[in-house]
């Protein structure tokens, strides 16, 4: 059995996803973090649809200052969600620690007006 970081994260992710599920009234924010960028989606799990998405390429900060770009991605996602009428969401950190870029993204989304 391998105990590398990725398998550990996927195990934690599976545990998180077994507990939360997005609905039409309160969809789920899913976050994926790569070495250079961050991607996020607001998902309605009952229908299996992505309602809104945003990434660091949307804010033209691909591979640049990561904390700052993550915060801008959160703000951009919140702005798009407001246009769709989404105010309250569930936050799915996808097994990543709530620290650094994930925390910066969440702070940006909250600053943009999303509640979670």
C-alpha atoms as a PDB file:
ATOM      1  CA  UNK A   1       0.000   0.000   0.000  1.00  0.00           C
ATOM      2  CA  UNK A   2       1.423   3.346  -1.056  1.00  0.00           C
ATOM      3  CA  UNK A   3       1.318   6.301   1.313  1.00  0.00           C
ATOM      4  CA  UNK A   4       2.202   9.191  -0.919  1.00  0.00           C
ATOM      5  CA  UNK A   5       0.633  12.649  -0.698  1.00  0.00           C
ATOM      6  CA  UNK A   6      -1.746  12.197  -3.623  1.00  0.00           C
ATOM      7  CA  UNK A   7      -3.267   8.928  -2.380  1.00  0.00           C
ATOM      8  CA  UNK A   8      -3.663  10.461   1.097  1.00  0.00           C
ATOM      9  CA  UNK A   9      -5.420  13.500  -0.407  1.00  0.00           C
ATOM     10  CA  UNK A  10      -7.741  11.311  -2.480  1.00  0.00           C
ATOM     11  CA  UNK A  11      -8.674   9.296   0.627  1.00  0.00           C
ATOM     12  CA  UNK A  12      -9.524  12.512   2.498  1.00  0.00           C
ATOM     13  CA  UNK A  13     -11.417  13.791  -0.573  1.00  0.00           C
ATOM     14  CA  UNK A  14     -13.541  10.637  -0.665  1.00  0.00           C
ATOM     15  CA  UNK A  15     -14.367  11.084   3.031  1.00  0.00           C
ATOM     16  CA  UNK A  16     -15.383  14.723   2.492  1.00  0.00           C
ATOM     17  CA  UNK A  17     -17.536  13.909  -0.555  1.00  0.00           C
ATOM     18  CA  UNK A  18     -19.402  11.192   1.343  1.00  0.00           C
ATOM     19  CA  UNK A  19     -20.580  13.852   3.809  1.00  0.00           C
ATOM     20  CA  UNK A  20     -21.466  16.795   1.545  1.00  0.00           C
ATOM     21  CA  UNK A  21     -23.529  17.072  -1.610  1.00  0.00           C
ATOM     22  CA  UNK A  22     -24.609  20.201  -3.469  1.00  0.00           C
ATOM     23  CA  UNK A  23     -28.249  20.950  -4.201  1.00  0.00           C
ATOM     24  CA  UNK A  24     -29.911  23.541  -6.425  1.00  0.00           C
ATOM     25  CA  UNK A  25     -30.516  25.815  -3.399  1.00  0.00           C
ATOM     26  CA  UNK A  26     -27.032  25.293  -1.934  1.00  0.00           C
ATOM     27  CA  UNK A  27     -24.526  24.033  -4.529  1.00  0.00           C
ATOM     28  CA  UNK A  28     -20.987  22.817  -3.821  1.00  0.00           C
ATOM     29  CA  UNK A  29     -17.749  24.684  -4.624  1.00  0.00           C
ATOM     30  CA  UNK A  30     -15.090  22.229  -5.773  1.00  0.00           C
ATOM     31  CA  UNK A  31     -11.454  23.391  -5.875  1.00  0.00           C
ATOM     32  CA  UNK A  32      -8.509  21.843  -7.735  1.00  0.00           C
ATOM     33  CA  UNK A  33      -5.017  23.143  -7.149  1.00  0.00           C
ATOM     34  CA  UNK A  34      -2.097  22.446  -9.472  1.00  0.00           C
ATOM     35  CA  UNK A  35       1.468  23.677  -9.066  1.00  0.00           C
ATOM     36  CA  UNK A  36       0.875  26.764 -11.210  1.00  0.00           C
ATOM     37  CA  UNK A  37      -2.850  27.477 -11.095  1.00  0.00           C
ATOM     38  CA  UNK A  38      -6.171  26.912  -9.354  1.00  0.00           C
ATOM     39  CA  UNK A  39      -9.501  25.802 -10.811  1.00  0.00           C
ATOM     40  CA  UNK A  40     -12.921  26.011  -9.190  1.00  0.00           C
ATOM     41  CA  UNK A  41     -16.489  25.059 -10.029  1.00  0.00           C
ATOM     42  CA  UNK A  42     -19.885  25.507  -8.454  1.00  0.00           C
ATOM     43  CA  UNK A  43     -21.711  22.195  -8.904  1.00  0.00           C
ATOM     44  CA  UNK A  44     -25.315  21.058  -8.469  1.00  0.00           C
ATOM     45  CA  UNK A  45     -24.838  17.378  -7.537  1.00  0.00           C
ATOM     46  CA  UNK A  46     -28.526  16.449  -7.769  1.00  0.00           C
ATOM     47  CA  UNK A  47     -28.550  17.157 -11.532  1.00  0.00           C
ATOM     48  CA  UNK A  48     -24.814  16.665 -12.072  1.00  0.00           C
ATOM     49  CA  UNK A  49     -24.357  20.101 -13.662  1.00  0.00           C
ATOM     50  CA  UNK A  50     -21.587  22.642 -13.329  1.00  0.00           C
ATOM     51  CA  UNK A  51     -23.311  25.983 -12.795  1.00  0.00           C
ATOM     52  CA  UNK A  52     -20.293  28.328 -12.736  1.00  0.00           C
ATOM     53  CA  UNK A  53     -16.547  27.858 -13.142  1.00  0.00           C
ATOM     54  CA  UNK A  54     -13.442  29.993 -12.787  1.00  0.00           C
ATOM     55  CA  UNK A  55      -9.686  29.503 -12.940  1.00  0.00           C
ATOM     56  CA  UNK A  56      -6.459  31.443 -12.752  1.00  0.00           C
ATOM     57  CA  UNK A  57      -6.420  31.687 -16.563  1.00  0.00           C
ATOM     58  CA  UNK A  58      -9.733  33.613 -16.334  1.00  0.00           C
ATOM     59  CA  UNK A  59      -8.113  36.334 -14.223  1.00  0.00           C
ATOM     60  CA  UNK A  60      -4.996  36.419 -16.467  1.00  0.00           C
ATOM     61  CA  UNK A  61      -2.671  35.476 -13.597  1.00  0.00           C
ATOM     62  CA  UNK A  62      -1.651  32.003 -14.753  1.00  0.00           C
ATOM     63  CA  UNK A  63       1.519  30.969 -12.886  1.00  0.00           C
ATOM     64  CA  UNK A  64       2.003  34.318 -11.170  1.00  0.00           C
ATOM     65  CA  UNK A  65       1.772  35.264  -7.470  1.00  0.00           C
ATOM     66  CA  UNK A  66      -0.245  32.316  -6.251  1.00  0.00           C
ATOM     67  CA  UNK A  67      -1.944  33.740  -3.131  1.00  0.00           C
ATOM     68  CA  UNK A  68      -3.002  36.882  -4.962  1.00  0.00           C
ATOM     69  CA  UNK A  69      -4.238  34.996  -8.027  1.00  0.00           C
ATOM     70  CA  UNK A  70      -6.200  32.538  -5.852  1.00  0.00           C
ATOM     71  CA  UNK A  71      -7.969  35.392  -4.117  1.00  0.00           C
ATOM     72  CA  UNK A  72      -8.861  36.932  -7.491  1.00  0.00           C
ATOM     73  CA  UNK A  73     -10.194  33.571  -8.729  1.00  0.00           C
ATOM     74  CA  UNK A  74     -12.428  33.427  -5.623  1.00  0.00           C
ATOM     75  CA  UNK A  75     -13.685  36.958  -6.281  1.00  0.00           C
ATOM     76  CA  UNK A  76     -14.338  36.135  -9.953  1.00  0.00           C
ATOM     77  CA  UNK A  77     -16.245  32.966  -9.038  1.00  0.00           C
ATOM     78  CA  UNK A  78     -18.371  34.898  -6.524  1.00  0.00           C
ATOM     79  CA  UNK A  79     -19.096  37.562  -9.145  1.00  0.00           C
ATOM     80  CA  UNK A  80     -20.248  34.931 -11.673  1.00  0.00           C
ATOM     81  CA  UNK A  81     -22.312  33.170  -8.983  1.00  0.00           C
ATOM     82  CA  UNK A  82     -24.097  36.415  -8.078  1.00  0.00           C
ATOM     83  CA  UNK A  83     -25.130  36.829 -11.720  1.00  0.00           C
ATOM     84  CA  UNK A  84     -26.669  33.324 -11.575  1.00  0.00           C
ATOM     85  CA  UNK A  85     -28.423  34.111  -8.274  1.00  0.00           C
ATOM     86  CA  UNK A  86     -26.272  31.859  -6.068  1.00  0.00           C
ATOM     87  CA  UNK A  87     -25.648  33.227  -2.578  1.00  0.00           C
ATOM     88  CA  UNK A  88     -25.030  30.265  -0.279  1.00  0.00           C
ATOM     89  CA  UNK A  89     -22.717  27.324  -1.071  1.00  0.00           C
ATOM     90  CA  UNK A  90     -20.947  24.329   0.474  1.00  0.00           C
ATOM     91  CA  UNK A  91     -17.132  24.402   0.344  1.00  0.00           C
ATOM     92  CA  UNK A  92     -15.388  21.236  -0.845  1.00  0.00           C
ATOM     93  CA  UNK A  93     -11.643  21.627  -0.336  1.00  0.00           C
ATOM     94  CA  UNK A  94     -11.003  18.338  -2.209  1.00  0.00           C
ATOM     95  CA  UNK A  95      -8.694  16.913   0.435  1.00  0.00           C
ATOM     96  CA  UNK A  96      -6.317  19.886   0.467  1.00  0.00           C
ATOM     97  CA  UNK A  97      -5.471  21.511   3.778  1.00  0.00           C
ATOM     98  CA  UNK A  98      -7.380  24.716   4.510  1.00  0.00           C
ATOM     99  CA  UNK A  99      -4.193  26.750   4.327  1.00  0.00           C
ATOM    100  CA  UNK A 100      -2.294  28.914   1.870  1.00  0.00           C
ATOM    101  CA  UNK A 101      -3.831  29.013  -1.606  1.00  0.00           C
ATOM    102  CA  UNK A 102      -7.049  27.210  -0.612  1.00  0.00           C
ATOM    103  CA  UNK A 103      -7.600  29.636   2.280  1.00  0.00           C
ATOM    104  CA  UNK A 104      -6.829  32.606   0.018  1.00  0.00           C
ATOM    105  CA  UNK A 105      -9.375  31.343  -2.541  1.00  0.00           C
ATOM    106  CA  UNK A 106     -12.038  30.891   0.161  1.00  0.00           C
ATOM    107  CA  UNK A 107     -11.371  34.372   1.564  1.00  0.00           C
ATOM    108  CA  UNK A 108     -11.771  35.850  -1.924  1.00  0.00           C
ATOM    109  CA  UNK A 109     -15.054  34.008  -2.477  1.00  0.00           C
ATOM    110  CA  UNK A 110     -16.399  35.201   0.896  1.00  0.00           C
ATOM    111  CA  UNK A 111     -15.251  38.746   0.134  1.00  0.00           C
ATOM    112  CA  UNK A 112     -17.137  38.511  -3.165  1.00  0.00           C
ATOM    113  CA  UNK A 113     -20.370  37.763  -1.307  1.00  0.00           C
ATOM    114  CA  UNK A 114     -20.681  33.951  -1.135  1.00  0.00           C
ATOM    115  CA  UNK A 115     -21.723  32.435   2.202  1.00  0.00           C
ATOM    116  CA  UNK A 116     -20.338  29.088   3.368  1.00  0.00           C
END
